[in-house]
């Protein structure tokens, strides 16, 4: 059972600077890990996460509201207390935007993805998993091929919006206005009904062009 007294947030001994569009954010180089069973969080995407396991609640306490943690997807969702080997090696650094007390002993956290990362060997495993991070730098090389695929994914996404009565028309303008191919790929990937394995493949790829190519094939279906 999780302690009723929140843990003191980690005091970062060092930090790494991560680019967020035209801005940068300083993120501690060692972060608590929040394992999730079936979800995959992408950079630039805001997501609600239901948290109920004791070690996951400890990870949330260590991060603190407004702090950072790593959201990592389990290889097998049936594992109740996953270690590092039970998680996919590439995960997403997130910032905790808001924490809401849910019913019973659980909580809900609203997080926003910051960057892809590999996870290093744990520096702690109790009361929760804590790892050094190795952020993946996005490789975005401008090219005619990249721009063509970028436009194709925009067009296909707009066609899907036209076919879906539950999606507002103004989403078409929103999709067209997304400022980078990588962010477009991550936002589209987060909304498509893909398996966790397919989403992890997209999260693992730092180059937007292969991500756009995969998404175009999915959208064309």
C-alpha atoms as a PDB file:
ATOM      1  CA  UNK A   1       0.000   0.000   0.000  1.00  0.00           C
ATOM      2  CA  UNK A   2       1.287   3.452  -0.860  1.00  0.00           C
ATOM      3  CA  UNK A   3       2.321   5.749   1.966  1.00  0.00           C
ATOM      4  CA  UNK A   4      -0.218   8.391   2.862  1.00  0.00           C
ATOM      5  CA  UNK A   5       2.599  10.917   3.238  1.00  0.00           C
ATOM      6  CA  UNK A   6       3.822  12.177  -0.158  1.00  0.00           C
ATOM      7  CA  UNK A   7       7.483  11.666  -0.841  1.00  0.00           C
ATOM      8  CA  UNK A   8       9.685  14.720  -1.104  1.00  0.00           C
ATOM      9  CA  UNK A   9      10.329  15.543  -4.795  1.00  0.00           C
ATOM     10  CA  UNK A  10      13.770  14.639  -6.082  1.00  0.00           C
ATOM     11  CA  UNK A  11      16.419  17.318  -5.768  1.00  0.00           C
ATOM     12  CA  UNK A  12      18.153  17.334  -9.167  1.00  0.00           C
ATOM     13  CA  UNK A  13      21.938  17.101  -8.894  1.00  0.00           C
ATOM     14  CA  UNK A  14      22.297  18.036 -12.552  1.00  0.00           C
ATOM     15  CA  UNK A  15      20.066  18.863 -15.482  1.00  0.00           C
ATOM     16  CA  UNK A  16      20.022  18.667 -19.247  1.00  0.00           C
ATOM     17  CA  UNK A  17      18.582  21.295 -21.561  1.00  0.00           C
ATOM     18  CA  UNK A  18      15.924  20.060 -24.002  1.00  0.00           C
ATOM     19  CA  UNK A  19      14.603  22.117 -26.919  1.00  0.00           C
ATOM     20  CA  UNK A  20      10.847  22.622 -27.116  1.00  0.00           C
ATOM     21  CA  UNK A  21      10.221  24.389 -30.396  1.00  0.00           C
ATOM     22  CA  UNK A  22      11.731  27.850 -29.978  1.00  0.00           C
ATOM     23  CA  UNK A  23      12.158  27.402 -26.227  1.00  0.00           C
ATOM     24  CA  UNK A  24      14.266  25.191 -23.977  1.00  0.00           C
ATOM     25  CA  UNK A  25      13.533  23.476 -20.672  1.00  0.00           C
ATOM     26  CA  UNK A  26      15.978  22.196 -18.043  1.00  0.00           C
ATOM     27  CA  UNK A  27      15.177  18.617 -17.053  1.00  0.00           C
ATOM     28  CA  UNK A  28      16.917  16.632 -14.275  1.00  0.00           C
ATOM     29  CA  UNK A  29      19.249  13.967 -15.647  1.00  0.00           C
ATOM     30  CA  UNK A  30      17.816  11.362 -13.242  1.00  0.00           C
ATOM     31  CA  UNK A  31      14.045  10.819 -13.132  1.00  0.00           C
ATOM     32  CA  UNK A  32      11.449   8.501 -11.575  1.00  0.00           C
ATOM     33  CA  UNK A  33       9.748   6.073 -13.948  1.00  0.00           C
ATOM     34  CA  UNK A  34       5.982   5.702 -14.303  1.00  0.00           C
ATOM     35  CA  UNK A  35       5.201   2.373 -16.017  1.00  0.00           C
ATOM     36  CA  UNK A  36       1.961   2.222 -18.024  1.00  0.00           C
ATOM     37  CA  UNK A  37       0.318  -0.951 -19.272  1.00  0.00           C
ATOM     38  CA  UNK A  38      -1.073  -0.109 -22.728  1.00  0.00           C
ATOM     39  CA  UNK A  39      -0.506   3.598 -23.296  1.00  0.00           C
ATOM     40  CA  UNK A  40       2.272   5.384 -25.191  1.00  0.00           C
ATOM     41  CA  UNK A  41       2.820   9.093 -24.591  1.00  0.00           C
ATOM     42  CA  UNK A  42       4.417  11.199 -27.347  1.00  0.00           C
ATOM     43  CA  UNK A  43       6.307  14.508 -27.152  1.00  0.00           C
ATOM     44  CA  UNK A  44       4.014  17.497 -27.527  1.00  0.00           C
ATOM     45  CA  UNK A  45       0.917  15.531 -26.537  1.00  0.00           C
ATOM     46  CA  UNK A  46      -1.116  16.125 -23.370  1.00  0.00           C
ATOM     47  CA  UNK A  47      -2.475  12.923 -21.824  1.00  0.00           C
ATOM     48  CA  UNK A  48      -4.428  11.902 -18.712  1.00  0.00           C
ATOM     49  CA  UNK A  49      -2.971   8.917 -16.835  1.00  0.00           C
ATOM     50  CA  UNK A  50      -4.781   6.885 -14.193  1.00  0.00           C
ATOM     51  CA  UNK A  51      -2.317   5.928 -11.437  1.00  0.00           C
ATOM     52  CA  UNK A  52      -3.069   3.360  -8.775  1.00  0.00           C
ATOM     53  CA  UNK A  53      -0.074   1.098  -8.153  1.00  0.00           C
ATOM     54  CA  UNK A  54       2.018   1.899  -5.087  1.00  0.00           C
ATOM     55  CA  UNK A  55       5.315   2.307  -6.957  1.00  0.00           C
ATOM     56  CA  UNK A  56       3.622   4.466  -9.605  1.00  0.00           C
ATOM     57  CA  UNK A  57       2.178   6.729  -6.907  1.00  0.00           C
ATOM     58  CA  UNK A  58       5.691   6.985  -5.433  1.00  0.00           C
ATOM     59  CA  UNK A  59       7.045   8.014  -8.849  1.00  0.00           C
ATOM     60  CA  UNK A  60       4.388  10.716  -9.043  1.00  0.00           C
ATOM     61  CA  UNK A  61       5.242  11.948  -5.546  1.00  0.00           C
ATOM     62  CA  UNK A  62       8.951  12.097  -6.403  1.00  0.00           C
ATOM     63  CA  UNK A  63       8.242  14.116  -9.539  1.00  0.00           C
ATOM     64  CA  UNK A  64       5.867  16.525  -7.809  1.00  0.00           C
ATOM     65  CA  UNK A  65       3.301  18.679  -9.562  1.00  0.00           C
ATOM     66  CA  UNK A  66       5.100  20.692 -12.229  1.00  0.00           C
ATOM     67  CA  UNK A  67       8.019  18.239 -12.128  1.00  0.00           C
ATOM     68  CA  UNK A  68       9.256  15.629 -14.569  1.00  0.00           C
ATOM     69  CA  UNK A  69       9.140  11.866 -14.849  1.00  0.00           C
ATOM     70  CA  UNK A  70       9.526   9.174 -17.493  1.00  0.00           C
ATOM     71  CA  UNK A  71       6.418   7.415 -18.806  1.00  0.00           C
ATOM     72  CA  UNK A  72       7.485   3.957 -20.010  1.00  0.00           C
ATOM     73  CA  UNK A  73       5.277   1.323 -21.647  1.00  0.00           C
ATOM     74  CA  UNK A  74       5.308  -2.239 -20.330  1.00  0.00           C
ATOM     75  CA  UNK A  75       6.178  -5.075 -22.697  1.00  0.00           C
ATOM     76  CA  UNK A  76       3.603  -7.248 -20.910  1.00  0.00           C
ATOM     77  CA  UNK A  77       0.657  -5.360 -19.379  1.00  0.00           C
ATOM     78  CA  UNK A  78      -0.035  -8.278 -17.005  1.00  0.00           C
ATOM     79  CA  UNK A  79       3.150  -7.616 -14.968  1.00  0.00           C
ATOM     80  CA  UNK A  80       2.140  -5.827 -11.753  1.00  0.00           C
ATOM     81  CA  UNK A  81       5.564  -4.627 -10.584  1.00  0.00           C
ATOM     82  CA  UNK A  82       7.684  -4.118 -13.711  1.00  0.00           C
ATOM     83  CA  UNK A  83      11.431  -3.643 -13.525  1.00  0.00           C
ATOM     84  CA  UNK A  84      13.553  -1.995 -16.184  1.00  0.00           C
ATOM     85  CA  UNK A  85      13.720  -5.202 -18.258  1.00  0.00           C
ATOM     86  CA  UNK A  86       9.907  -5.305 -18.365  1.00  0.00           C
ATOM     87  CA  UNK A  87       9.723  -1.898 -20.063  1.00  0.00           C
ATOM     88  CA  UNK A  88      10.418  -0.814 -23.631  1.00  0.00           C
ATOM     89  CA  UNK A  89      13.820   0.915 -23.584  1.00  0.00           C
ATOM     90  CA  UNK A  90      12.623   4.121 -25.268  1.00  0.00           C
ATOM     91  CA  UNK A  91      10.091   6.140 -23.296  1.00  0.00           C
ATOM     92  CA  UNK A  92       8.818   9.718 -23.030  1.00  0.00           C
ATOM     93  CA  UNK A  93       9.926  12.399 -20.604  1.00  0.00           C
ATOM     94  CA  UNK A  94       6.821  14.238 -19.396  1.00  0.00           C
ATOM     95  CA  UNK A  95       6.012  17.215 -17.225  1.00  0.00           C
ATOM     96  CA  UNK A  96       3.286  16.740 -14.622  1.00  0.00           C
ATOM     97  CA  UNK A  97       0.761  19.492 -15.280  1.00  0.00           C
ATOM     98  CA  UNK A  98      -1.873  18.555 -12.725  1.00  0.00           C
ATOM     99  CA  UNK A  99      -2.569  15.827 -10.165  1.00  0.00           C
ATOM    100  CA  UNK A 100      -6.139  14.932  -9.256  1.00  0.00           C
ATOM    101  CA  UNK A 101      -7.087  12.671  -6.357  1.00  0.00           C
ATOM    102  CA  UNK A 102      -9.318   9.923  -7.689  1.00  0.00           C
ATOM    103  CA  UNK A 103     -11.575   7.550  -5.813  1.00  0.00           C
ATOM    104  CA  UNK A 104     -10.062   5.092  -3.312  1.00  0.00           C
ATOM    105  CA  UNK A 105      -6.252   5.336  -3.310  1.00  0.00           C
ATOM    106  CA  UNK A 106      -5.628   6.230  -6.939  1.00  0.00           C
ATOM    107  CA  UNK A 107      -4.799   9.500  -8.634  1.00  0.00           C
ATOM    108  CA  UNK A 108      -5.049  10.932 -12.117  1.00  0.00           C
ATOM    109  CA  UNK A 109      -2.161  12.912 -13.558  1.00  0.00           C
ATOM    110  CA  UNK A 110      -2.360  15.237 -16.535  1.00  0.00           C
ATOM    111  CA  UNK A 111       1.014  15.153 -18.264  1.00  0.00           C
ATOM    112  CA  UNK A 112       2.506  16.656 -21.397  1.00  0.00           C
ATOM    113  CA  UNK A 113       5.223  14.902 -23.368  1.00  0.00           C
ATOM    114  CA  UNK A 114       8.578  16.683 -23.535  1.00  0.00           C
ATOM    115  CA  UNK A 115      11.037  14.410 -25.384  1.00  0.00           C
ATOM    116  CA  UNK A 116      11.945  10.858 -26.324  1.00  0.00           C
ATOM    117  CA  UNK A 117      14.534   9.216 -24.105  1.00  0.00           C
ATOM    118  CA  UNK A 118      16.414   6.016 -23.531  1.00  0.00           C
ATOM    119  CA  UNK A 119      16.588   4.846 -19.942  1.00  0.00           C
ATOM    120  CA  UNK A 120      19.890   4.046 -18.266  1.00  0.00           C
ATOM    121  CA  UNK A 121      20.530   1.512 -15.513  1.00  0.00           C
ATOM    122  CA  UNK A 122      18.495   2.245 -12.356  1.00  0.00           C
ATOM    123  CA  UNK A 123      19.985   4.354  -9.593  1.00  0.00           C
ATOM    124  CA  UNK A 124      17.152   3.183  -7.306  1.00  0.00           C
ATOM    125  CA  UNK A 125      14.381   0.606  -7.421  1.00  0.00           C
ATOM    126  CA  UNK A 126      12.557   1.402  -4.153  1.00  0.00           C
ATOM    127  CA  UNK A 127      10.151   2.936  -3.383  1.00  0.00           C
ATOM    128  CA  UNK A 128      10.062   3.335  -7.162  1.00  0.00           C
ATOM    129  CA  UNK A 129      12.265   2.912 -10.219  1.00  0.00           C
ATOM    130  CA  UNK A 130      14.630   5.867 -10.823  1.00  0.00           C
ATOM    131  CA  UNK A 131      16.856   6.028 -13.909  1.00  0.00           C
ATOM    132  CA  UNK A 132      19.273   8.365 -15.687  1.00  0.00           C
ATOM    133  CA  UNK A 133      17.847   9.667 -18.943  1.00  0.00           C
ATOM    134  CA  UNK A 134      19.447   9.776 -22.387  1.00  0.00           C
ATOM    135  CA  UNK A 135      17.229  12.131 -24.451  1.00  0.00           C
ATOM    136  CA  UNK A 136      17.004  11.359 -28.171  1.00  0.00           C
ATOM    137  CA  UNK A 137      17.661  14.362 -30.371  1.00  0.00           C
ATOM    138  CA  UNK A 138      15.147  14.626 -33.197  1.00  0.00           C
ATOM    139  CA  UNK A 139      16.820  14.328 -36.601  1.00  0.00           C
ATOM    140  CA  UNK A 140      14.905  16.629 -38.921  1.00  0.00           C
ATOM    141  CA  UNK A 141      16.737  17.163 -42.210  1.00  0.00           C
ATOM    142  CA  UNK A 142      14.801  19.416 -44.608  1.00  0.00           C
ATOM    143  CA  UNK A 143      14.311  17.811 -48.005  1.00  0.00           C
ATOM    144  CA  UNK A 144      11.789  17.708 -50.834  1.00  0.00           C
ATOM    145  CA  UNK A 145      10.886  14.149 -49.819  1.00  0.00           C
ATOM    146  CA  UNK A 146      10.254  15.172 -46.222  1.00  0.00           C
ATOM    147  CA  UNK A 147       8.122  18.152 -47.255  1.00  0.00           C
ATOM    148  CA  UNK A 148       6.089  16.034 -49.684  1.00  0.00           C
ATOM    149  CA  UNK A 149       5.381  13.411 -47.023  1.00  0.00           C
ATOM    150  CA  UNK A 150       4.540  16.151 -44.509  1.00  0.00           C
ATOM    151  CA  UNK A 151       1.929  17.568 -46.907  1.00  0.00           C
ATOM    152  CA  UNK A 152       0.592  14.082 -47.682  1.00  0.00           C
ATOM    153  CA  UNK A 153      -0.028  13.343 -43.985  1.00  0.00           C
ATOM    154  CA  UNK A 154      -1.789  16.702 -43.590  1.00  0.00           C
ATOM    155  CA  UNK A 155      -4.021  15.942 -46.580  1.00  0.00           C
ATOM    156  CA  UNK A 156      -4.799  12.402 -45.429  1.00  0.00           C
ATOM    157  CA  UNK A 157      -5.541  13.614 -41.895  1.00  0.00           C
ATOM    158  CA  UNK A 158      -7.938  16.223 -43.241  1.00  0.00           C
ATOM    159  CA  UNK A 159      -9.699  13.553 -45.294  1.00  0.00           C
ATOM    160  CA  UNK A 160     -10.110  11.410 -42.185  1.00  0.00           C
ATOM    161  CA  UNK A 161     -11.581  14.416 -40.342  1.00  0.00           C
ATOM    162  CA  UNK A 162     -14.076  14.837 -43.196  1.00  0.00           C
ATOM    163  CA  UNK A 163     -15.113  11.188 -42.843  1.00  0.00           C
ATOM    164  CA  UNK A 164     -15.545  11.366 -39.064  1.00  0.00           C
ATOM    165  CA  UNK A 165     -18.722  13.052 -37.888  1.00  0.00           C
ATOM    166  CA  UNK A 166     -17.389  13.259 -34.327  1.00  0.00           C
ATOM    167  CA  UNK A 167     -14.386  15.435 -35.294  1.00  0.00           C
ATOM    168  CA  UNK A 168     -14.887  19.221 -35.633  1.00  0.00           C
ATOM    169  CA  UNK A 169     -14.223  20.869 -38.985  1.00  0.00           C
ATOM    170  CA  UNK A 170     -11.765  23.355 -37.487  1.00  0.00           C
ATOM    171  CA  UNK A 171      -9.381  20.482 -36.716  1.00  0.00           C
ATOM    172  CA  UNK A 172      -8.434  20.573 -40.396  1.00  0.00           C
ATOM    173  CA  UNK A 173      -6.976  24.039 -39.950  1.00  0.00           C
ATOM    174  CA  UNK A 174      -5.265  22.979 -36.728  1.00  0.00           C
ATOM    175  CA  UNK A 175      -3.553  20.034 -38.465  1.00  0.00           C
ATOM    176  CA  UNK A 176      -2.413  22.268 -41.332  1.00  0.00           C
ATOM    177  CA  UNK A 177      -0.945  24.774 -38.874  1.00  0.00           C
ATOM    178  CA  UNK A 178       1.227  22.352 -36.877  1.00  0.00           C
ATOM    179  CA  UNK A 179       4.680  23.948 -37.210  1.00  0.00           C
ATOM    180  CA  UNK A 180       6.950  20.920 -37.659  1.00  0.00           C
ATOM    181  CA  UNK A 181       6.753  17.482 -39.308  1.00  0.00           C
ATOM    182  CA  UNK A 182       7.888  15.755 -36.122  1.00  0.00           C
ATOM    183  CA  UNK A 183       5.158  17.321 -34.002  1.00  0.00           C
ATOM    184  CA  UNK A 184       2.572  16.506 -36.678  1.00  0.00           C
ATOM    185  CA  UNK A 185       3.701  12.876 -36.731  1.00  0.00           C
ATOM    186  CA  UNK A 186       3.548  12.597 -32.936  1.00  0.00           C
ATOM    187  CA  UNK A 187       0.113  14.216 -32.640  1.00  0.00           C
ATOM    188  CA  UNK A 188      -1.342  12.027 -35.392  1.00  0.00           C
ATOM    189  CA  UNK A 189       0.270   8.894 -33.926  1.00  0.00           C
ATOM    190  CA  UNK A 190      -1.276   9.623 -30.539  1.00  0.00           C
ATOM    191  CA  UNK A 191      -4.797   9.716 -32.027  1.00  0.00           C
ATOM    192  CA  UNK A 192      -4.696   6.716 -34.369  1.00  0.00           C
ATOM    193  CA  UNK A 193      -5.971   3.290 -33.177  1.00  0.00           C
ATOM    194  CA  UNK A 194      -2.536   1.675 -33.343  1.00  0.00           C
ATOM    195  CA  UNK A 195      -1.255  -1.154 -31.150  1.00  0.00           C
ATOM    196  CA  UNK A 196       1.195  -0.262 -28.363  1.00  0.00           C
ATOM    197  CA  UNK A 197       3.928  -2.024 -30.363  1.00  0.00           C
ATOM    198  CA  UNK A 198       3.226   0.138 -33.426  1.00  0.00           C
ATOM    199  CA  UNK A 199       3.240   3.281 -31.313  1.00  0.00           C
ATOM    200  CA  UNK A 200       6.487   2.266 -29.613  1.00  0.00           C
ATOM    201  CA  UNK A 201       8.064   1.827 -33.082  1.00  0.00           C
ATOM    202  CA  UNK A 202       7.054   5.409 -33.863  1.00  0.00           C
ATOM    203  CA  UNK A 203       8.307   6.668 -30.501  1.00  0.00           C
ATOM    204  CA  UNK A 204      11.665   4.951 -31.021  1.00  0.00           C
ATOM    205  CA  UNK A 205      12.285   6.654 -34.389  1.00  0.00           C
ATOM    206  CA  UNK A 206      13.967  10.088 -33.993  1.00  0.00           C
ATOM    207  CA  UNK A 207      13.666  10.973 -37.700  1.00  0.00           C
ATOM    208  CA  UNK A 208      10.254  12.471 -38.650  1.00  0.00           C
ATOM    209  CA  UNK A 209      10.384  11.197 -42.259  1.00  0.00           C
ATOM    210  CA  UNK A 210      10.099   7.447 -41.448  1.00  0.00           C
ATOM    211  CA  UNK A 211       7.385   8.295 -38.923  1.00  0.00           C
ATOM    212  CA  UNK A 212       5.431  10.226 -41.543  1.00  0.00           C
ATOM    213  CA  UNK A 213       5.845   7.389 -44.032  1.00  0.00           C
ATOM    214  CA  UNK A 214       4.420   4.857 -41.579  1.00  0.00           C
ATOM    215  CA  UNK A 215       1.553   7.141 -40.642  1.00  0.00           C
ATOM    216  CA  UNK A 216       0.677   7.812 -44.280  1.00  0.00           C
ATOM    217  CA  UNK A 217       0.276   4.059 -44.813  1.00  0.00           C
ATOM    218  CA  UNK A 218      -1.992   3.800 -41.767  1.00  0.00           C
ATOM    219  CA  UNK A 219      -4.078   6.808 -42.828  1.00  0.00           C
ATOM    220  CA  UNK A 220      -4.509   5.497 -46.364  1.00  0.00           C
ATOM    221  CA  UNK A 221      -6.262   2.416 -44.937  1.00  0.00           C
END
